[in-house]
Amino acid sequence: MTDGAGVFAAGARSQRLTQGDVIVVLAGTPHRFPEMPEPLSYLLVKVFY
């Protein structure tokens, strides 16, 4: 997360993210931002191997 805050859900787990947090989502895992009370920015890196 580069700016802002929100709740991120991946699979059956969810957690609040704030600036500086990093998460890893395994391929095929359903994921979303169910709560975004303020604008947020994030950097997405996809790794293919």
N, C-alpha and C. Protein backbone atom coordinates (compact mmCIF):
# COMPACT_ATOMS: atom_id res chain seq x y z
N MET A 1 0.86 -1.15 0.00
CA MET A 1 0.00 0.00 0.00
C MET A 1 0.91 1.22 0.00
N THR A 2 0.74 2.06 -1.02
CA THR A 2 1.59 3.25 -1.10
C THR A 2 0.95 4.47 -0.45
N ASP A 3 -0.38 4.47 -0.33
CA ASP A 3 -1.05 5.62 0.28
C ASP A 3 -2.48 5.22 0.65
N GLY A 4 -2.98 5.72 1.76
CA GLY A 4 -4.36 5.45 2.18
C GLY A 4 -4.46 4.23 3.08
N ALA A 5 -5.68 3.73 3.23
CA ALA A 5 -5.94 2.57 4.08
C ALA A 5 -7.23 1.91 3.62
N GLY A 6 -7.39 0.65 3.97
CA GLY A 6 -8.60 -0.08 3.63
C GLY A 6 -8.51 -1.50 4.12
N VAL A 7 -9.57 -2.25 3.93
CA VAL A 7 -9.60 -3.66 4.31
C VAL A 7 -9.43 -4.48 3.05
N PHE A 8 -8.51 -5.45 3.09
CA PHE A 8 -8.25 -6.33 1.97
C PHE A 8 -8.66 -7.74 2.36
N ALA A 9 -9.39 -8.43 1.49
CA ALA A 9 -9.82 -9.80 1.75
C ALA A 9 -9.21 -10.72 0.70
N ALA A 10 -8.64 -11.84 1.18
CA ALA A 10 -8.09 -12.87 0.29
C ALA A 10 -8.52 -14.21 0.84
N GLY A 11 -9.27 -14.96 0.04
CA GLY A 11 -9.81 -16.22 0.55
C GLY A 11 -10.75 -15.94 1.70
N ALA A 12 -10.58 -16.65 2.81
CA ALA A 12 -11.44 -16.47 3.99
C ALA A 12 -10.88 -15.45 4.98
N ARG A 13 -9.73 -14.86 4.68
CA ARG A 13 -9.09 -13.92 5.61
C ARG A 13 -9.25 -12.49 5.13
N SER A 14 -9.34 -11.58 6.08
CA SER A 14 -9.32 -10.16 5.74
C SER A 14 -8.49 -9.43 6.78
N GLN A 15 -7.88 -8.33 6.35
CA GLN A 15 -7.08 -7.54 7.29
C GLN A 15 -7.04 -6.10 6.82
N ARG A 16 -6.86 -5.22 7.78
CA ARG A 16 -6.76 -3.80 7.48
C ARG A 16 -5.34 -3.50 7.00
N LEU A 17 -5.24 -2.78 5.90
CA LEU A 17 -3.96 -2.38 5.36
C LEU A 17 -3.80 -0.87 5.46
N THR A 18 -2.58 -0.44 5.73
CA THR A 18 -2.26 0.98 5.76
C THR A 18 -0.96 1.19 4.98
N GLN A 19 -0.59 2.43 4.82
CA GLN A 19 0.60 2.77 4.05
C GLN A 19 1.81 1.97 4.53
N GLY A 20 2.54 1.37 3.60
CA GLY A 20 3.74 0.59 3.93
C GLY A 20 3.50 -0.90 4.05
N ASP A 21 2.24 -1.34 4.14
CA ASP A 21 1.95 -2.78 4.25
C ASP A 21 2.17 -3.47 2.91
N VAL A 22 2.61 -4.72 2.99
CA VAL A 22 2.84 -5.55 1.81
C VAL A 22 2.09 -6.86 2.00
N ILE A 23 1.41 -7.34 0.96
CA ILE A 23 0.71 -8.61 1.02
C ILE A 23 1.10 -9.46 -0.18
N VAL A 24 0.95 -10.77 -0.02
CA VAL A 24 1.19 -11.72 -1.10
C VAL A 24 -0.08 -12.54 -1.26
N VAL A 25 -0.58 -12.61 -2.48
CA VAL A 25 -1.78 -13.40 -2.77
C VAL A 25 -1.37 -14.50 -3.76
N LEU A 26 -1.59 -15.74 -3.37
CA LEU A 26 -1.25 -16.85 -4.24
C LEU A 26 -2.18 -16.91 -5.45
N ALA A 27 -1.66 -17.39 -6.55
CA ALA A 27 -2.45 -17.51 -7.78
C ALA A 27 -3.71 -18.32 -7.52
N GLY A 28 -4.82 -17.86 -8.08
CA GLY A 28 -6.09 -18.57 -7.94
C GLY A 28 -6.88 -18.23 -6.69
N THR A 29 -6.32 -17.41 -5.81
CA THR A 29 -7.02 -17.02 -4.58
C THR A 29 -7.93 -15.84 -4.86
N PRO A 30 -9.23 -15.96 -4.57
CA PRO A 30 -10.12 -14.81 -4.76
C PRO A 30 -9.70 -13.68 -3.81
N HIS A 31 -9.68 -12.46 -4.30
CA HIS A 31 -9.26 -11.34 -3.46
C HIS A 31 -9.98 -10.06 -3.89
N ARG A 32 -10.12 -9.12 -2.91
CA ARG A 32 -10.84 -7.88 -3.17
C ARG A 32 -10.60 -6.89 -2.05
N PHE A 33 -11.03 -5.65 -2.26
CA PHE A 33 -11.04 -4.60 -1.25
C PHE A 33 -12.50 -4.36 -0.86
N PRO A 34 -13.03 -5.04 0.16
CA PRO A 34 -14.44 -4.85 0.51
C PRO A 34 -14.72 -3.51 1.20
N GLU A 35 -13.71 -2.91 1.81
CA GLU A 35 -13.90 -1.62 2.50
C GLU A 35 -12.79 -0.66 2.10
N MET A 36 -13.18 0.46 1.53
CA MET A 36 -12.23 1.52 1.19
C MET A 36 -12.83 2.84 1.64
N PRO A 37 -12.69 3.19 2.93
CA PRO A 37 -13.31 4.41 3.43
C PRO A 37 -12.66 5.69 2.91
N GLU A 38 -11.48 5.56 2.30
CA GLU A 38 -10.79 6.72 1.76
C GLU A 38 -10.07 6.29 0.48
N PRO A 39 -9.68 7.22 -0.36
CA PRO A 39 -8.92 6.84 -1.56
C PRO A 39 -7.61 6.14 -1.17
N LEU A 40 -7.19 5.18 -1.98
CA LEU A 40 -5.94 4.49 -1.70
C LEU A 40 -5.17 4.26 -2.98
N SER A 41 -3.88 4.04 -2.82
CA SER A 41 -3.00 3.74 -3.95
C SER A 41 -2.18 2.51 -3.58
N TYR A 42 -1.92 1.67 -4.59
CA TYR A 42 -1.09 0.50 -4.32
C TYR A 42 -0.28 0.15 -5.55
N LEU A 43 0.78 -0.57 -5.34
CA LEU A 43 1.66 -1.03 -6.40
C LEU A 43 1.42 -2.52 -6.58
N LEU A 44 1.13 -2.94 -7.78
CA LEU A 44 0.85 -4.34 -8.08
C LEU A 44 2.02 -4.93 -8.85
N VAL A 45 2.55 -6.05 -8.35
CA VAL A 45 3.62 -6.76 -9.03
C VAL A 45 3.14 -8.18 -9.28
N LYS A 46 3.08 -8.59 -10.54
CA LYS A 46 2.68 -9.96 -10.88
C LYS A 46 3.95 -10.72 -11.27
N VAL A 47 4.10 -11.91 -10.72
CA VAL A 47 5.25 -12.75 -11.03
C VAL A 47 4.74 -13.99 -11.76
N PHE A 48 5.25 -14.20 -12.95
CA PHE A 48 4.89 -15.37 -13.74
C PHE A 48 6.12 -16.27 -13.84
N TYR A 49 5.93 -17.53 -13.56
CA TYR A 49 7.04 -18.48 -13.70
C TYR A 49 6.54 -19.83 -14.14
